[in-house]
């Protein structure tokens, strides 16, 4: 399949009637990708009612009345010492139905949401993701901005995009994500039973994810 143009794709805010479809597409997008099965659709379900959720940055990509992708954001923050704090935003998951992946849908969602985030006054986006997927969107290593995780380490997967240039310059920071990402494994498994059966299988991408998620930059 060829790439999809921005003319063909409509990006709009998610509405309540989209909820189930978005969860289903998220499940399809992540099933067996990082682990056997997935819990990203349960994360989507939990995010919408969490205090850190940012509804105005919750978007779906629509093609001919079919929802084929989505992106969701939560609040996060950086701390330097005990008093210096910067509010940041974090997206994830970004989901695209498998048959529409590698056609620019995810890039369109990221680009659109970045623009809206900047317009409404957000200054920094911080995510966990594979550099190969996100450096093309302007993200750089957390190490370049002296941003560590809460334990003072620099994860390979922790990526940063300044929406306000040089706002992070000259200070060492620690990153704190929303606790919505701390999922209950048993609850996620129970929620998945509401969906149709899908076989859990091994994929080589699970090894890559495992390595990348445990890697740190020194």
C-alpha atoms as a PDB file:
ATOM      1  CA  UNK A   1       0.000   0.000   0.000  1.00  0.00           C
ATOM      2  CA  UNK A   2       1.186   3.496  -0.730  1.00  0.00           C
ATOM      3  CA  UNK A   3       1.421   6.304   1.782  1.00  0.00           C
ATOM      4  CA  UNK A   4      -1.719   8.083   2.898  1.00  0.00           C
ATOM      5  CA  UNK A   5      -1.894  11.829   2.312  1.00  0.00           C
ATOM      6  CA  UNK A   6      -2.966  14.340   4.924  1.00  0.00           C
ATOM      7  CA  UNK A   7      -5.895  15.166   2.620  1.00  0.00           C
ATOM      8  CA  UNK A   8      -7.252  11.641   3.018  1.00  0.00           C
ATOM      9  CA  UNK A   9      -6.794  11.541   6.794  1.00  0.00           C
ATOM     10  CA  UNK A  10      -8.916  13.634   9.130  1.00  0.00           C
ATOM     11  CA  UNK A  11      -7.530  14.265  12.605  1.00  0.00           C
ATOM     12  CA  UNK A  12     -10.012  15.269  15.288  1.00  0.00           C
ATOM     13  CA  UNK A  13     -10.512  15.001  19.029  1.00  0.00           C
ATOM     14  CA  UNK A  14     -11.793  11.706  20.348  1.00  0.00           C
ATOM     15  CA  UNK A  15     -15.436  11.672  21.475  1.00  0.00           C
ATOM     16  CA  UNK A  16     -17.175   9.230  23.795  1.00  0.00           C
ATOM     17  CA  UNK A  17     -18.614   7.260  20.902  1.00  0.00           C
ATOM     18  CA  UNK A  18     -15.067   6.468  19.769  1.00  0.00           C
ATOM     19  CA  UNK A  19     -13.936   4.854  23.012  1.00  0.00           C
ATOM     20  CA  UNK A  20     -14.466   1.195  22.202  1.00  0.00           C
ATOM     21  CA  UNK A  21     -13.145   1.515  18.652  1.00  0.00           C
ATOM     22  CA  UNK A  22     -10.002   3.242  19.902  1.00  0.00           C
ATOM     23  CA  UNK A  23      -9.403   0.522  22.476  1.00  0.00           C
ATOM     24  CA  UNK A  24      -9.899  -2.159  19.849  1.00  0.00           C
ATOM     25  CA  UNK A  25      -7.466  -0.536  17.422  1.00  0.00           C
ATOM     26  CA  UNK A  26      -4.926  -0.033  20.219  1.00  0.00           C
ATOM     27  CA  UNK A  27      -5.171  -3.726  21.052  1.00  0.00           C
ATOM     28  CA  UNK A  28      -4.658  -4.642  17.402  1.00  0.00           C
ATOM     29  CA  UNK A  29      -1.684  -2.285  17.098  1.00  0.00           C
ATOM     30  CA  UNK A  30       0.209  -3.607  20.131  1.00  0.00           C
ATOM     31  CA  UNK A  31      -0.798  -7.255  20.357  1.00  0.00           C
ATOM     32  CA  UNK A  32       2.353  -9.393  20.730  1.00  0.00           C
ATOM     33  CA  UNK A  33       4.544  -6.412  19.788  1.00  0.00           C
ATOM     34  CA  UNK A  34       6.336  -5.676  23.088  1.00  0.00           C
ATOM     35  CA  UNK A  35       5.182  -8.653  25.135  1.00  0.00           C
ATOM     36  CA  UNK A  36       2.959 -11.647  24.543  1.00  0.00           C
ATOM     37  CA  UNK A  37      -0.482 -10.044  24.362  1.00  0.00           C
ATOM     38  CA  UNK A  38      -0.625  -6.381  25.422  1.00  0.00           C
ATOM     39  CA  UNK A  39      -2.134  -4.020  27.994  1.00  0.00           C
ATOM     40  CA  UNK A  40      -2.090  -0.738  26.051  1.00  0.00           C
ATOM     41  CA  UNK A  41      -5.850  -0.880  25.418  1.00  0.00           C
ATOM     42  CA  UNK A  42      -6.417  -1.102  29.174  1.00  0.00           C
ATOM     43  CA  UNK A  43      -4.084   1.885  29.617  1.00  0.00           C
ATOM     44  CA  UNK A  44      -6.199   3.864  27.152  1.00  0.00           C
ATOM     45  CA  UNK A  45      -9.299   2.929  29.131  1.00  0.00           C
ATOM     46  CA  UNK A  46      -7.718   4.072  32.414  1.00  0.00           C
ATOM     47  CA  UNK A  47      -6.229   7.282  31.055  1.00  0.00           C
ATOM     48  CA  UNK A  48      -9.517   8.934  30.151  1.00  0.00           C
ATOM     49  CA  UNK A  49     -10.660   9.170  33.778  1.00  0.00           C
ATOM     50  CA  UNK A  50      -7.278   9.966  35.323  1.00  0.00           C
ATOM     51  CA  UNK A  51      -6.558  13.436  36.707  1.00  0.00           C
ATOM     52  CA  UNK A  52      -3.407  13.715  34.542  1.00  0.00           C
ATOM     53  CA  UNK A  53      -5.253  13.086  31.273  1.00  0.00           C
ATOM     54  CA  UNK A  54      -5.275  16.001  28.785  1.00  0.00           C
ATOM     55  CA  UNK A  55      -8.504  15.759  26.741  1.00  0.00           C
ATOM     56  CA  UNK A  56      -7.601  18.567  24.325  1.00  0.00           C
ATOM     57  CA  UNK A  57      -4.573  16.523  23.200  1.00  0.00           C
ATOM     58  CA  UNK A  58      -6.540  13.322  22.654  1.00  0.00           C
ATOM     59  CA  UNK A  59      -6.814  12.773  18.890  1.00  0.00           C
ATOM     60  CA  UNK A  60      -7.975  10.137  16.434  1.00  0.00           C
ATOM     61  CA  UNK A  61      -7.063   9.731  12.782  1.00  0.00           C
ATOM     62  CA  UNK A  62     -10.039   8.961  10.548  1.00  0.00           C
ATOM     63  CA  UNK A  63     -10.024   7.584   7.018  1.00  0.00           C
ATOM     64  CA  UNK A  64     -13.370   7.330   5.217  1.00  0.00           C
ATOM     65  CA  UNK A  65     -15.289   7.293   8.535  1.00  0.00           C
ATOM     66  CA  UNK A  66     -13.004   4.584   9.973  1.00  0.00           C
ATOM     67  CA  UNK A  67     -10.787   5.329  12.984  1.00  0.00           C
ATOM     68  CA  UNK A  68      -7.344   4.021  12.059  1.00  0.00           C
ATOM     69  CA  UNK A  69      -5.126   5.637  14.692  1.00  0.00           C
ATOM     70  CA  UNK A  70      -4.991   7.640  17.903  1.00  0.00           C
ATOM     71  CA  UNK A  71      -2.677   9.519  20.254  1.00  0.00           C
ATOM     72  CA  UNK A  72      -3.199  10.444  23.917  1.00  0.00           C
ATOM     73  CA  UNK A  73      -1.346  12.750  26.319  1.00  0.00           C
ATOM     74  CA  UNK A  74      -0.956  13.047  30.069  1.00  0.00           C
ATOM     75  CA  UNK A  75       0.613  15.608  32.368  1.00  0.00           C
ATOM     76  CA  UNK A  76       4.159  15.018  33.576  1.00  0.00           C
ATOM     77  CA  UNK A  77       6.823  17.214  35.128  1.00  0.00           C
ATOM     78  CA  UNK A  78      10.526  17.869  35.698  1.00  0.00           C
ATOM     79  CA  UNK A  79      12.189  18.738  38.973  1.00  0.00           C
ATOM     80  CA  UNK A  80      15.550  20.364  39.663  1.00  0.00           C
ATOM     81  CA  UNK A  81      16.200  20.283  43.381  1.00  0.00           C
ATOM     82  CA  UNK A  82      13.174  20.740  45.627  1.00  0.00           C
ATOM     83  CA  UNK A  83      11.722  23.974  44.225  1.00  0.00           C
ATOM     84  CA  UNK A  84      12.451  24.272  40.498  1.00  0.00           C
ATOM     85  CA  UNK A  85       9.634  22.546  38.572  1.00  0.00           C
ATOM     86  CA  UNK A  86       8.591  22.598  34.918  1.00  0.00           C
ATOM     87  CA  UNK A  87       5.269  21.175  33.794  1.00  0.00           C
ATOM     88  CA  UNK A  88       5.639  18.882  30.787  1.00  0.00           C
ATOM     89  CA  UNK A  89       3.399  16.612  28.723  1.00  0.00           C
ATOM     90  CA  UNK A  90       3.830  13.002  27.692  1.00  0.00           C
ATOM     91  CA  UNK A  91       2.160  11.079  24.892  1.00  0.00           C
ATOM     92  CA  UNK A  92       1.613   7.383  24.593  1.00  0.00           C
ATOM     93  CA  UNK A  93       0.347   5.139  23.417  1.00  0.00           C
ATOM     94  CA  UNK A  94       0.354   6.120  19.750  1.00  0.00           C
ATOM     95  CA  UNK A  95      -1.647   3.468  17.939  1.00  0.00           C
ATOM     96  CA  UNK A  96      -2.227   2.718  14.259  1.00  0.00           C
ATOM     97  CA  UNK A  97      -4.112  -0.273  12.878  1.00  0.00           C
ATOM     98  CA  UNK A  98      -1.559  -2.748  11.477  1.00  0.00           C
ATOM     99  CA  UNK A  99      -2.813  -2.464   7.896  1.00  0.00           C
ATOM    100  CA  UNK A 100      -2.206   1.306   7.951  1.00  0.00           C
ATOM    101  CA  UNK A 101       1.192   1.328   9.668  1.00  0.00           C
ATOM    102  CA  UNK A 102       4.260   2.792   7.916  1.00  0.00           C
ATOM    103  CA  UNK A 103       2.043   5.074   5.844  1.00  0.00           C
ATOM    104  CA  UNK A 104       2.403   8.321   7.775  1.00  0.00           C
ATOM    105  CA  UNK A 105      -0.599   8.011  10.078  1.00  0.00           C
ATOM    106  CA  UNK A 106       1.425   8.023  13.274  1.00  0.00           C
ATOM    107  CA  UNK A 107       3.566  10.883  11.985  1.00  0.00           C
ATOM    108  CA  UNK A 108       0.446  12.889  11.177  1.00  0.00           C
ATOM    109  CA  UNK A 109      -0.925  12.362  14.688  1.00  0.00           C
ATOM    110  CA  UNK A 110       2.372  13.332  16.292  1.00  0.00           C
ATOM    111  CA  UNK A 111       2.797  16.391  14.092  1.00  0.00           C
ATOM    112  CA  UNK A 112      -0.750  17.628  14.661  1.00  0.00           C
ATOM    113  CA  UNK A 113      -0.658  17.105  18.414  1.00  0.00           C
ATOM    114  CA  UNK A 114       2.770  18.769  18.684  1.00  0.00           C
ATOM    115  CA  UNK A 115       1.382  21.853  16.974  1.00  0.00           C
ATOM    116  CA  UNK A 116      -1.689  21.998  19.208  1.00  0.00           C
ATOM    117  CA  UNK A 117       0.414  21.426  22.329  1.00  0.00           C
ATOM    118  CA  UNK A 118       2.649  24.351  21.387  1.00  0.00           C
ATOM    119  CA  UNK A 119      -0.337  26.586  20.579  1.00  0.00           C
ATOM    120  CA  UNK A 120      -1.982  26.006  23.965  1.00  0.00           C
ATOM    121  CA  UNK A 121       1.225  26.777  25.829  1.00  0.00           C
ATOM    122  CA  UNK A 122       2.950  23.493  26.586  1.00  0.00           C
ATOM    123  CA  UNK A 123       6.728  23.855  26.592  1.00  0.00           C
ATOM    124  CA  UNK A 124       8.203  20.342  26.618  1.00  0.00           C
ATOM    125  CA  UNK A 125       7.135  16.863  25.463  1.00  0.00           C
ATOM    126  CA  UNK A 126       8.842  13.868  27.092  1.00  0.00           C
ATOM    127  CA  UNK A 127       8.178  10.275  26.119  1.00  0.00           C
ATOM    128  CA  UNK A 128       9.482   6.742  26.396  1.00  0.00           C
ATOM    129  CA  UNK A 129       9.982   5.340  22.918  1.00  0.00           C
ATOM    130  CA  UNK A 130      12.430   3.911  20.416  1.00  0.00           C
ATOM    131  CA  UNK A 131      14.740   6.648  19.057  1.00  0.00           C
ATOM    132  CA  UNK A 132      14.373   5.235  15.540  1.00  0.00           C
ATOM    133  CA  UNK A 133      10.680   6.128  15.607  1.00  0.00           C
ATOM    134  CA  UNK A 134      10.867   9.564  17.211  1.00  0.00           C
ATOM    135  CA  UNK A 135      14.154  11.320  16.389  1.00  0.00           C
ATOM    136  CA  UNK A 136      12.688  12.171  12.975  1.00  0.00           C
ATOM    137  CA  UNK A 137      10.072  14.221  14.845  1.00  0.00           C
ATOM    138  CA  UNK A 138      12.715  16.292  16.615  1.00  0.00           C
ATOM    139  CA  UNK A 139      13.122  14.260  19.800  1.00  0.00           C
ATOM    140  CA  UNK A 140      16.570  13.945  21.346  1.00  0.00           C
ATOM    141  CA  UNK A 141      18.091  11.846  24.079  1.00  0.00           C
ATOM    142  CA  UNK A 142      17.296  12.822  27.649  1.00  0.00           C
ATOM    143  CA  UNK A 143      21.056  12.844  28.240  1.00  0.00           C
ATOM    144  CA  UNK A 144      21.427  15.823  25.898  1.00  0.00           C
ATOM    145  CA  UNK A 145      19.199  17.858  28.225  1.00  0.00           C
ATOM    146  CA  UNK A 146      20.592  16.461  31.495  1.00  0.00           C
ATOM    147  CA  UNK A 147      17.213  14.869  32.238  1.00  0.00           C
ATOM    148  CA  UNK A 148      17.306  11.654  34.249  1.00  0.00           C
ATOM    149  CA  UNK A 149      14.561   9.419  35.523  1.00  0.00           C
ATOM    150  CA  UNK A 150      13.476   9.600  39.166  1.00  0.00           C
ATOM    151  CA  UNK A 151      16.410   7.356  40.140  1.00  0.00           C
ATOM    152  CA  UNK A 152      19.010   9.597  38.500  1.00  0.00           C
ATOM    153  CA  UNK A 153      19.613   7.283  35.503  1.00  0.00           C
ATOM    154  CA  UNK A 154      19.410   8.145  31.788  1.00  0.00           C
ATOM    155  CA  UNK A 155      17.217   5.613  29.964  1.00  0.00           C
ATOM    156  CA  UNK A 156      17.965   4.981  26.303  1.00  0.00           C
ATOM    157  CA  UNK A 157      14.229   5.228  25.628  1.00  0.00           C
ATOM    158  CA  UNK A 158      13.637   8.557  27.411  1.00  0.00           C
ATOM    159  CA  UNK A 159      13.267  11.186  24.681  1.00  0.00           C
ATOM    160  CA  UNK A 160      12.734  14.935  24.866  1.00  0.00           C
ATOM    161  CA  UNK A 161      11.335  17.622  22.562  1.00  0.00           C
ATOM    162  CA  UNK A 162      11.534  21.311  23.476  1.00  0.00           C
ATOM    163  CA  UNK A 163       8.501  23.240  22.212  1.00  0.00           C
ATOM    164  CA  UNK A 164      10.019  26.394  23.691  1.00  0.00           C
ATOM    165  CA  UNK A 165      13.674  26.501  22.578  1.00  0.00           C
ATOM    166  CA  UNK A 166      16.334  26.355  25.299  1.00  0.00           C
ATOM    167  CA  UNK A 167      13.838  26.233  28.178  1.00  0.00           C
ATOM    168  CA  UNK A 168      15.799  23.295  29.594  1.00  0.00           C
ATOM    169  CA  UNK A 169      19.241  24.821  29.106  1.00  0.00           C
ATOM    170  CA  UNK A 170      21.765  24.787  31.920  1.00  0.00           C
ATOM    171  CA  UNK A 171      19.908  22.753  34.538  1.00  0.00           C
ATOM    172  CA  UNK A 172      19.902  19.111  35.589  1.00  0.00           C
ATOM    173  CA  UNK A 173      16.395  17.620  35.837  1.00  0.00           C
ATOM    174  CA  UNK A 174      14.562  14.520  36.968  1.00  0.00           C
ATOM    175  CA  UNK A 175      11.510  13.324  35.047  1.00  0.00           C
ATOM    176  CA  UNK A 176       8.266  12.189  36.682  1.00  0.00           C
ATOM    177  CA  UNK A 177       5.546  10.588  34.593  1.00  0.00           C
ATOM    178  CA  UNK A 178       1.902  10.170  35.549  1.00  0.00           C
ATOM    179  CA  UNK A 179       1.153   7.182  37.758  1.00  0.00           C
ATOM    180  CA  UNK A 180      -1.533   6.150  35.262  1.00  0.00           C
ATOM    181  CA  UNK A 181       1.226   4.184  33.540  1.00  0.00           C
ATOM    182  CA  UNK A 182       1.629   1.986  36.633  1.00  0.00           C
ATOM    183  CA  UNK A 183      -0.894  -0.621  35.554  1.00  0.00           C
ATOM    184  CA  UNK A 184      -2.282  -3.478  37.600  1.00  0.00           C
ATOM    185  CA  UNK A 185      -1.385  -6.579  35.568  1.00  0.00           C
ATOM    186  CA  UNK A 186      -4.299  -8.616  36.893  1.00  0.00           C
ATOM    187  CA  UNK A 187      -6.786  -5.821  36.179  1.00  0.00           C
ATOM    188  CA  UNK A 188      -5.403  -5.442  32.658  1.00  0.00           C
ATOM    189  CA  UNK A 189      -5.821  -9.167  32.039  1.00  0.00           C
ATOM    190  CA  UNK A 190      -9.386  -9.114  33.351  1.00  0.00           C
ATOM    191  CA  UNK A 191     -10.246  -6.134  31.149  1.00  0.00           C
ATOM    192  CA  UNK A 192      -8.851  -7.869  28.071  1.00  0.00           C
ATOM    193  CA  UNK A 193     -11.422 -10.637  28.497  1.00  0.00           C
ATOM    194  CA  UNK A 194     -14.093  -8.178  27.332  1.00  0.00           C
ATOM    195  CA  UNK A 195     -12.537  -8.345  23.857  1.00  0.00           C
ATOM    196  CA  UNK A 196     -12.430 -11.167  21.339  1.00  0.00           C
ATOM    197  CA  UNK A 197      -9.896 -13.957  21.732  1.00  0.00           C
ATOM    198  CA  UNK A 198      -6.415 -13.315  20.366  1.00  0.00           C
ATOM    199  CA  UNK A 199      -3.552 -15.770  20.699  1.00  0.00           C
ATOM    200  CA  UNK A 200      -0.536 -14.667  22.704  1.00  0.00           C
ATOM    201  CA  UNK A 201       2.644 -15.491  20.821  1.00  0.00           C
ATOM    202  CA  UNK A 202       6.356 -14.761  20.797  1.00  0.00           C
ATOM    203  CA  UNK A 203       7.716 -12.152  18.361  1.00  0.00           C
ATOM    204  CA  UNK A 204      11.323 -11.042  17.918  1.00  0.00           C
ATOM    205  CA  UNK A 205      10.189  -7.454  18.572  1.00  0.00           C
ATOM    206  CA  UNK A 206       9.644  -8.468  22.193  1.00  0.00           C
ATOM    207  CA  UNK A 207      13.391  -9.075  22.570  1.00  0.00           C
ATOM    208  CA  UNK A 208      14.213  -5.696  21.086  1.00  0.00           C
ATOM    209  CA  UNK A 209      11.725  -3.983  23.398  1.00  0.00           C
ATOM    210  CA  UNK A 210      13.123  -5.796  26.417  1.00  0.00           C
ATOM    211  CA  UNK A 211      16.675  -4.699  25.590  1.00  0.00           C
ATOM    212  CA  UNK A 212      15.763  -1.105  24.792  1.00  0.00           C
ATOM    213  CA  UNK A 213      13.643  -0.702  27.932  1.00  0.00           C
ATOM    214  CA  UNK A 214      16.522  -1.879  30.142  1.00  0.00           C
ATOM    215  CA  UNK A 215      19.261   0.165  28.447  1.00  0.00           C
ATOM    216  CA  UNK A 216      20.804   3.280  29.975  1.00  0.00           C
ATOM    217  CA  UNK A 217      23.166   5.955  28.672  1.00  0.00           C
ATOM    218  CA  UNK A 218      26.230   6.784  30.750  1.00  0.00           C
END
